[in-house]
Amino acid sequence: MRRIAILGSTGSIGRYTLDVVSQHPGEFELVGLAARQSGDELARQCAVHPAARLALTTGTALETLLAARPELAARAVGSGEDALVELIRETKPDMVVNALVGSVGLRPTMEALLSGIPVAIANKETIVTGGEILLAAARDGGGRLIPIDSEHVAISQCLGKAPPENVERVIMTASGGALRDRSLDAMTSVTVDDVLAHPTWDMGAKITVDSATLINKGLEVIEARWLFGLSLEQIDVVIHPQSIVHSFVEFIDGSIIAQMGQPDMRQPILYALSYPEMRRSSLKSRISEFPDLTFHEVDRRRYPCFELVLEAARTGGSAPTVLNAANEVAVGAFLAGQIPFTRINELIGAALSGVPQNPIASLDDILQADRTTREWIAEQYSIKLAGTK
């Protein structure tokens, strides 16, 4: 029985994880559930998993929940971002699933790794901003980062036990997002609903916007760099609208191995929860029923944000943190109707040019760069930050 704590249990990855757990009774036990502010949904999850402690990172959300459900008070570890760390300390799980959105996932991931607890991670922002110090924490504490993103699971499966010197490059696929077939001239008029209508994946709002800008794939390139010890030059991306091939690995002899499957997040989640073992799943694919598979290069005019991510990765230091924070603010502003879709790129580029960038030696360095970037954008563009009045 593997004891699991899920951070971000009410989001799309969290709900998929709970579905996978329900399909494998007797193999997993939920000991911790955390969300940002979806108290009603968290209460329903707690009812199904009576052994789970709970946390809400929004203080008012926890107060509202406990006022309506006072019997849950004994199971609550607290509120605020500190509660995520406390949840791990109190439950001592066998695995933490980090399904959070944004850099809020950095501290609890550090806590788990330093405590020797493996982290199944779908929170790409955490690896993007803190990849180097997370790997150091894993070495020092004995924890391990296990990917949940379908692309990184695919890379892991294709690599197998191949020695690093045999790997020429990895090729990650991207759906292209909801706007991939829209004319460039029409981009200025797209609505939030247009951007959130993803053609193949069912994801949360933030990552769906990131898919439309291709920021998500750029962040996954940085993830792959840290997870697999690759150079940026060894990682390519192609647009693959059907989302059937999740990644390729090309070896030095010219051979290529691809991992294929339906676009269903339950498969990579089961891989992560079971690692290093493999469990039987009800998910099946019939190759004869796959659509025609097509691949083409990334159009940098359509996806200018993609190049900004690679620029930040090449710069290093605090640049990826600046980029990530700027993107979170810009996407939040777009979803709130404060800026049009086409200004997301503008805000990120301005932050990379205007915010001082420094070496990263600690978690505090990352958190400071994150705060500085958010405050700079708010001041420069009169954008209201989440959680402010």
Protein backbone atom coordinates (compact mmCIF):
# COMPACT_ATOMS: atom_id res chain seq x y z
CA MET A 1 0.00 0.00 0.00
CA ARG A 2 1.58 3.29 -1.12
CA ARG A 3 0.53 6.28 1.02
CA ILE A 4 0.03 9.40 -1.10
CA ALA A 5 -0.47 13.13 -0.48
CA ILE A 6 -1.86 15.16 -3.38
CA LEU A 7 -1.10 18.88 -3.56
CA GLY A 8 -3.62 20.47 -5.91
CA SER A 9 -6.20 17.72 -5.53
CA THR A 10 -9.14 19.75 -6.89
CA GLY A 11 -7.43 20.69 -10.16
CA SER A 12 -7.51 18.62 -13.34
CA ILE A 13 -4.37 16.57 -12.58
CA GLY A 14 -5.45 16.11 -8.97
CA ARG A 15 -8.86 14.81 -10.02
CA TYR A 16 -7.31 12.46 -12.57
CA THR A 17 -4.98 11.18 -9.85
CA LEU A 18 -7.93 10.45 -7.57
CA ASP A 19 -9.61 8.61 -10.42
CA VAL A 20 -6.50 6.45 -10.93
CA VAL A 21 -6.38 5.71 -7.20
CA SER A 22 -10.04 4.67 -7.22
CA GLN A 23 -9.35 2.20 -10.04
CA HIS A 24 -6.60 0.47 -8.04
CA PRO A 25 -8.15 -0.29 -4.64
CA GLY A 26 -5.80 -1.73 -2.06
CA GLU A 27 -2.72 -0.34 -3.81
CA PHE A 28 -2.86 3.34 -2.83
CA GLU A 29 -4.07 5.22 0.24
CA LEU A 30 -4.72 8.98 0.36
CA VAL A 31 -3.22 10.53 3.49
CA GLY A 32 -3.16 14.19 2.42
CA LEU A 33 -5.25 16.46 0.19
CA ALA A 34 -4.52 20.14 -0.48
CA ALA A 35 -6.12 22.79 -2.66
CA ARG A 36 -6.02 26.55 -3.10
CA GLN A 37 -9.61 27.56 -2.37
CA SER A 38 -12.05 24.90 -3.62
CA GLY A 39 -13.29 23.99 -0.15
CA ASP A 40 -16.53 22.29 -1.20
CA GLU A 41 -14.72 19.98 -3.62
CA LEU A 42 -12.02 19.27 -1.06
CA ALA A 43 -14.70 18.32 1.49
CA ARG A 44 -16.21 15.85 -0.98
CA GLN A 45 -12.79 14.30 -1.56
CA CYS A 46 -12.21 14.02 2.19
CA ALA A 47 -15.50 12.18 2.56
CA VAL A 48 -14.29 9.53 0.10
CA HIS A 49 -10.85 9.32 1.74
CA PRO A 50 -11.40 9.40 5.52
CA ALA A 51 -7.70 8.95 6.36
CA ALA A 52 -6.64 12.11 4.52
CA ARG A 53 -5.56 15.29 6.29
CA LEU A 54 -6.41 18.52 4.47
CA ALA A 55 -5.02 21.97 3.75
CA LEU A 56 -6.22 25.06 1.88
CA THR A 57 -3.69 27.69 0.90
CA THR A 58 -6.29 30.48 0.95
CA GLY A 59 -7.01 31.29 4.59
CA THR A 60 -10.53 32.57 4.06
CA ALA A 61 -11.39 29.40 2.14
CA LEU A 62 -10.41 27.26 5.12
CA GLU A 63 -12.43 29.45 7.49
CA THR A 64 -15.49 29.14 5.24
CA LEU A 65 -15.07 25.38 4.94
CA LEU A 66 -14.73 24.78 8.68
CA ALA A 67 -17.67 27.06 9.45
CA ALA A 68 -19.84 24.86 7.21
CA ARG A 69 -18.13 21.56 8.09
CA PRO A 70 -16.77 21.86 11.67
CA GLU A 71 -16.19 18.09 11.84
CA LEU A 72 -13.26 18.57 9.43
CA ALA A 73 -11.37 20.83 11.84
CA ALA A 74 -9.49 17.90 13.38
CA ARG A 75 -8.21 16.91 9.92
CA ALA A 76 -7.06 20.39 8.86
CA VAL A 77 -3.35 21.15 9.20
CA GLY A 78 -3.79 24.87 8.50
CA SER A 79 -3.97 27.43 5.74
CA GLY A 80 -1.56 29.42 3.63
CA GLU A 81 1.40 28.16 1.64
CA ASP A 82 3.10 26.97 4.84
CA ALA A 83 0.27 24.45 5.24
CA LEU A 84 1.56 22.54 2.20
CA VAL A 85 4.86 21.91 3.97
CA GLU A 86 3.09 21.09 7.23
CA LEU A 87 0.84 18.58 5.45
CA ILE A 88 3.92 16.67 4.27
CA ARG A 89 5.53 16.78 7.71
CA GLU A 90 2.44 15.54 9.52
CA THR A 91 1.37 12.80 7.10
CA LYS A 92 4.86 11.50 6.17
CA PRO A 93 3.59 10.03 2.87
CA ASP A 94 5.39 7.49 0.71
CA MET A 95 4.90 9.82 -2.26
CA VAL A 96 3.84 13.41 -2.85
CA VAL A 97 1.93 14.27 -6.02
CA ASN A 98 2.61 17.91 -6.88
CA ALA A 99 -0.32 18.90 -9.11
CA LEU A 100 -0.19 22.55 -8.12
CA VAL A 101 -0.14 25.43 -10.59
CA GLY A 102 2.64 28.00 -10.32
CA SER A 103 5.70 28.51 -8.17
CA VAL A 104 3.73 27.80 -4.97
CA GLY A 105 4.80 24.18 -5.45
CA LEU A 106 8.51 24.89 -4.91
CA ARG A 107 8.74 24.84 -1.09
CA PRO A 108 6.71 21.65 -0.49
CA THR A 109 8.67 19.88 -3.22
CA MET A 110 11.91 20.86 -1.51
CA GLU A 111 10.52 19.63 1.82
CA ALA A 112 9.57 16.25 0.37
CA LEU A 113 12.88 15.68 -1.43
CA LEU A 114 14.95 16.67 1.60
CA SER A 115 12.86 14.21 3.63
CA GLY A 116 13.61 11.38 1.21
CA ILE A 117 10.07 11.35 -0.21
CA PRO A 118 9.69 10.92 -4.00
CA VAL A 119 7.67 13.61 -5.75
CA ALA A 120 5.50 12.81 -8.75
CA ILE A 121 5.47 16.22 -10.34
CA ALA A 122 3.13 17.84 -12.82
CA ASN A 123 4.00 21.33 -11.53
CA LYS A 124 6.43 22.34 -14.26
CA GLU A 125 6.94 25.85 -12.84
CA THR A 126 8.65 24.34 -9.80
CA ILE A 127 11.30 22.58 -11.90
CA VAL A 128 11.71 25.54 -14.24
CA THR A 129 12.47 27.96 -11.42
CA GLY A 130 14.29 25.61 -9.08
CA GLY A 131 15.64 22.71 -11.14
CA GLU A 132 19.23 22.94 -9.95
CA ILE A 133 18.46 23.28 -6.24
CA LEU A 134 15.76 20.60 -6.45
CA LEU A 135 18.24 18.11 -7.86
CA ALA A 136 20.64 19.03 -5.06
CA ALA A 137 17.85 18.50 -2.51
CA ALA A 138 17.08 15.10 -4.01
CA ARG A 139 20.74 14.10 -3.76
CA ASP A 140 21.05 15.37 -0.19
CA GLY A 141 17.77 13.98 1.11
CA GLY A 142 17.37 10.85 -0.96
CA GLY A 143 14.11 11.87 -2.67
CA ARG A 144 13.43 11.61 -6.37
CA LEU A 145 11.57 13.63 -8.99
CA ILE A 146 9.22 11.46 -11.08
CA PRO A 147 7.53 13.11 -14.06
CA ILE A 148 3.78 13.15 -14.60
CA ASP A 149 3.67 15.22 -17.79
CA SER A 150 2.94 12.83 -20.64
CA GLU A 151 5.92 14.09 -22.65
CA HIS A 152 8.43 13.39 -19.88
CA VAL A 153 6.92 10.03 -19.04
CA ALA A 154 7.28 9.19 -22.73
CA ILE A 155 10.93 10.24 -22.74
CA SER A 156 11.59 8.14 -19.65
CA GLN A 157 9.98 5.08 -21.21
CA CYS A 158 11.81 5.53 -24.51
CA LEU A 159 15.17 6.02 -22.83
CA GLY A 160 14.86 2.90 -20.74
CA LYS A 161 18.33 2.08 -19.45
CA ALA A 162 20.20 3.52 -22.43
CA PRO A 163 23.49 5.18 -21.38
CA PRO A 164 23.47 8.98 -21.84
CA GLU A 165 26.22 8.87 -24.48
CA ASN A 166 23.90 6.87 -26.77
CA VAL A 167 21.25 9.63 -26.86
CA GLU A 168 21.43 12.04 -29.79
CA ARG A 169 18.36 14.10 -28.90
CA VAL A 170 14.79 13.95 -27.64
CA ILE A 171 11.87 15.33 -29.61
CA MET A 172 8.86 16.49 -27.65
CA THR A 173 5.47 16.95 -29.27
CA ALA A 174 3.07 19.86 -28.80
CA SER A 175 -0.57 19.99 -29.80
CA GLY A 176 -0.25 23.64 -30.79
CA GLY A 177 -3.13 24.70 -28.57
CA ALA A 178 -6.56 26.03 -29.38
CA LEU A 179 -5.32 28.73 -31.79
CA ARG A 180 -2.98 26.65 -33.92
CA ASP A 181 -5.18 26.93 -37.06
CA ARG A 182 -6.28 30.54 -36.58
CA SER A 183 -4.80 33.15 -38.91
CA LEU A 184 -2.15 35.39 -37.40
CA ASP A 185 -4.21 38.46 -38.29
CA ALA A 186 -7.09 37.15 -36.15
CA MET A 187 -5.00 36.73 -33.00
CA THR A 188 -5.77 40.24 -31.74
CA SER A 189 -9.46 39.46 -31.40
CA VAL A 190 -9.40 36.06 -29.66
CA THR A 191 -11.42 35.68 -26.47
CA VAL A 192 -10.75 33.74 -23.29
CA ASP A 193 -13.29 31.14 -24.43
CA ASP A 194 -11.44 30.77 -27.74
CA VAL A 195 -8.15 30.11 -25.97
CA LEU A 196 -9.63 27.66 -23.45
CA ALA A 197 -11.22 25.46 -26.14
CA HIS A 198 -8.30 23.02 -26.32
CA PRO A 199 -8.79 20.49 -29.14
CA THR A 200 -7.37 17.37 -27.46
CA TRP A 201 -6.53 17.81 -23.76
CA ASP A 202 -8.79 18.60 -20.79
CA MET A 203 -6.67 20.86 -18.57
CA GLY A 204 -6.97 23.79 -16.19
CA ALA A 205 -7.29 27.35 -17.47
CA LYS A 206 -3.71 28.46 -16.88
CA ILE A 207 -2.02 25.54 -18.62
CA THR A 208 -4.54 25.74 -21.48
CA VAL A 209 -3.50 29.35 -22.10
CA ASP A 210 0.13 28.23 -21.86
CA SER A 211 -0.62 25.65 -24.53
CA ALA A 212 -1.97 28.34 -26.85
CA THR A 213 1.18 30.46 -26.40
CA LEU A 214 3.43 27.35 -26.41
CA ILE A 215 4.92 28.57 -23.14
CA ASN A 216 4.01 25.19 -21.70
CA LYS A 217 6.23 23.38 -24.18
CA GLY A 218 9.10 25.75 -23.55
CA LEU A 219 8.78 25.09 -19.83
CA GLU A 220 8.74 21.36 -20.55
CA VAL A 221 11.98 21.74 -22.50
CA ILE A 222 13.57 23.20 -19.36
CA GLU A 223 12.03 20.39 -17.30
CA ALA A 224 13.49 17.76 -19.62
CA ARG A 225 16.89 19.39 -19.32
CA TRP A 226 16.88 18.91 -15.54
CA LEU A 227 15.02 15.60 -15.34
CA PHE A 228 17.19 13.78 -17.87
CA GLY A 229 20.51 15.64 -17.71
CA LEU A 230 20.24 16.88 -21.30
CA SER A 231 21.61 20.00 -22.92
CA LEU A 232 19.17 22.45 -24.48
CA GLU A 233 20.68 21.59 -27.86
CA GLN A 234 19.56 17.98 -27.40
CA ILE A 235 15.87 18.88 -27.05
CA ASP A 236 13.61 19.64 -30.02
CA VAL A 237 9.87 20.31 -30.28
CA VAL A 238 7.46 19.57 -33.14
CA ILE A 239 3.78 20.39 -33.52
CA HIS A 240 1.70 17.21 -33.53
CA PRO A 241 -2.01 18.10 -33.61
CA GLN A 242 -3.30 14.58 -32.92
CA SER A 243 -1.48 14.25 -29.55
CA ILE A 244 -0.93 10.51 -30.07
CA VAL A 245 2.89 10.48 -30.06
CA HIS A 246 3.99 12.06 -26.79
CA SER A 247 7.75 12.14 -27.37
CA PHE A 248 10.54 10.57 -29.43
CA VAL A 249 14.10 9.67 -28.50
CA GLU A 250 16.69 9.59 -31.28
CA PHE A 251 19.86 7.60 -30.67
CA ILE A 252 23.33 8.13 -32.09
CA ASP A 253 22.88 5.28 -34.59
CA GLY A 254 19.97 7.16 -36.19
CA SER A 255 17.20 4.98 -34.76
CA ILE A 256 14.16 6.65 -33.17
CA ILE A 257 11.85 5.25 -30.50
CA ALA A 258 8.42 6.85 -30.02
CA GLN A 259 5.91 6.46 -27.21
CA MET A 260 2.27 6.53 -28.33
CA GLY A 261 -1.12 6.49 -26.67
CA GLN A 262 -4.44 8.25 -26.42
CA PRO A 263 -4.28 11.78 -24.92
CA ASP A 264 -5.40 10.64 -21.46
CA MET A 265 -3.52 11.88 -18.40
CA ARG A 266 -4.45 8.80 -16.38
CA GLN A 267 -1.76 6.76 -18.14
CA PRO A 268 1.22 8.95 -17.16
CA ILE A 269 -0.26 9.43 -13.68
CA LEU A 270 -0.42 5.65 -13.17
CA TYR A 271 3.18 5.42 -14.37
CA ALA A 272 4.26 8.00 -11.78
CA LEU A 273 2.25 6.53 -8.89
CA SER A 274 3.58 3.04 -9.59
CA TYR A 275 7.20 3.91 -10.38
CA PRO A 276 9.48 1.96 -10.68
CA GLU A 277 6.92 -0.82 -11.08
CA MET A 278 4.24 -1.03 -13.77
CA ARG A 279 0.57 -1.74 -13.03
CA ARG A 280 -2.06 -3.06 -15.39
CA SER A 281 -4.52 -0.44 -16.61
CA SER A 282 -7.94 -0.47 -18.24
CA LEU A 283 -6.67 2.15 -20.71
CA LYS A 284 -6.13 0.57 -24.11
CA SER A 285 -5.22 1.91 -27.53
CA ARG A 286 -6.09 0.43 -30.92
CA ILE A 287 -3.48 1.51 -33.42
CA SER A 288 -5.84 0.84 -36.31
CA GLU A 289 -8.18 3.50 -34.90
CA PHE A 290 -5.52 6.21 -34.56
CA PRO A 291 -6.01 9.22 -36.85
CA ASP A 292 -3.42 10.11 -39.47
CA LEU A 293 -0.36 11.39 -37.65
CA THR A 294 1.28 14.63 -38.77
CA PHE A 295 4.27 16.61 -37.52
CA HIS A 296 5.65 20.02 -38.42
CA GLU A 297 8.13 22.56 -37.13
CA VAL A 298 7.20 25.25 -34.61
CA ASP A 299 6.23 28.53 -36.31
CA ARG A 300 8.05 31.14 -34.23
CA ARG A 301 5.80 33.92 -35.59
CA ARG A 302 2.73 32.18 -34.19
CA TYR A 303 4.43 31.30 -30.90
CA PRO A 304 6.80 34.15 -29.96
CA CYS A 305 6.60 33.15 -26.29
CA PHE A 306 8.34 29.87 -27.10
CA GLU A 307 11.53 31.67 -28.07
CA LEU A 308 11.36 33.76 -24.89
CA VAL A 309 11.43 30.59 -22.79
CA LEU A 310 14.47 29.27 -24.64
CA GLU A 311 16.15 32.67 -24.25
CA ALA A 312 15.58 32.55 -20.48
CA ALA A 313 16.86 28.96 -20.32
CA ARG A 314 20.05 29.91 -22.16
CA THR A 315 20.58 32.92 -19.87
CA GLY A 316 20.13 30.86 -16.71
CA GLY A 317 20.34 32.26 -13.20
CA SER A 318 17.10 33.96 -12.20
CA ALA A 319 15.95 34.41 -15.83
CA PRO A 320 13.66 31.32 -15.85
CA THR A 321 12.11 32.53 -12.58
CA VAL A 322 11.53 35.98 -14.05
CA LEU A 323 9.96 34.43 -17.13
CA ASN A 324 7.74 32.11 -15.13
CA ALA A 325 6.53 34.84 -12.77
CA ALA A 326 5.88 37.20 -15.67
CA ASN A 327 3.92 34.51 -17.47
CA GLU A 328 1.79 33.73 -14.42
CA VAL A 329 0.92 37.41 -14.01
CA ALA A 330 0.26 37.90 -17.73
CA VAL A 331 -1.94 34.80 -18.02
CA GLY A 332 -3.86 35.81 -14.90
CA ALA A 333 -4.39 39.28 -16.36
CA PHE A 334 -5.61 37.82 -19.65
CA LEU A 335 -8.05 35.46 -17.92
CA ALA A 336 -9.32 38.39 -15.82
CA GLY A 337 -9.90 40.52 -18.91
CA GLN A 338 -7.15 43.03 -18.05
CA ILE A 339 -5.07 42.48 -21.21
CA PRO A 340 -5.65 40.91 -24.64
CA PHE A 341 -4.06 37.61 -25.57
CA THR A 342 -1.42 39.21 -27.77
CA ARG A 343 0.01 41.24 -24.87
CA ILE A 344 1.09 38.14 -22.93
CA ASN A 345 4.22 38.01 -25.07
CA GLU A 346 4.83 41.73 -24.59
CA LEU A 347 4.71 41.56 -20.79
CA ILE A 348 7.03 38.57 -20.59
CA GLY A 349 9.56 40.12 -22.95
CA ALA A 350 9.49 43.40 -21.04
CA ALA A 351 10.10 41.62 -17.74
CA LEU A 352 13.07 39.70 -19.13
CA SER A 353 14.55 43.01 -20.29
CA GLY A 354 13.58 45.16 -17.29
CA VAL A 355 13.92 42.99 -14.19
CA PRO A 356 17.50 42.56 -12.88
CA GLN A 357 18.70 38.95 -13.19
CA ASN A 358 21.06 37.36 -10.72
CA PRO A 359 22.64 33.97 -9.91
CA ILE A 360 20.47 31.49 -7.99
CA ALA A 361 22.03 29.82 -4.95
CA SER A 362 19.06 29.16 -2.70
CA LEU A 363 15.29 28.95 -2.40
CA ASP A 364 15.25 32.50 -1.04
CA ASP A 365 16.94 33.75 -4.23
CA ILE A 366 14.17 32.20 -6.30
CA LEU A 367 11.37 33.56 -4.13
CA GLN A 368 12.92 37.05 -4.20
CA ALA A 369 13.22 37.02 -8.00
CA ASP A 370 9.61 35.86 -8.22
CA ARG A 371 8.34 38.67 -5.95
CA THR A 372 10.43 41.32 -7.69
CA THR A 373 9.10 40.32 -11.10
CA ARG A 374 5.44 40.35 -10.04
CA GLU A 375 5.81 43.75 -8.39
CA TRP A 376 7.65 45.17 -11.42
CA ILE A 377 4.94 44.09 -13.85
CA ALA A 378 2.16 45.31 -11.57
CA GLU A 379 3.79 48.74 -11.38
CA GLN A 380 4.78 49.02 -15.04
CA TYR A 381 1.46 47.83 -16.47
CA SER A 382 -1.02 48.73 -13.69
CA ILE A 383 -2.04 45.09 -13.36
CA LYS A 384 -3.80 43.89 -10.25
CA LEU A 385 -2.00 40.90 -8.81
CA ALA A 386 -3.92 37.89 -7.53
CA GLY A 387 -4.57 38.15 -3.81
CA THR A 388 -4.26 41.95 -3.69
CA LYS A 389 -7.00 44.52 -3.16
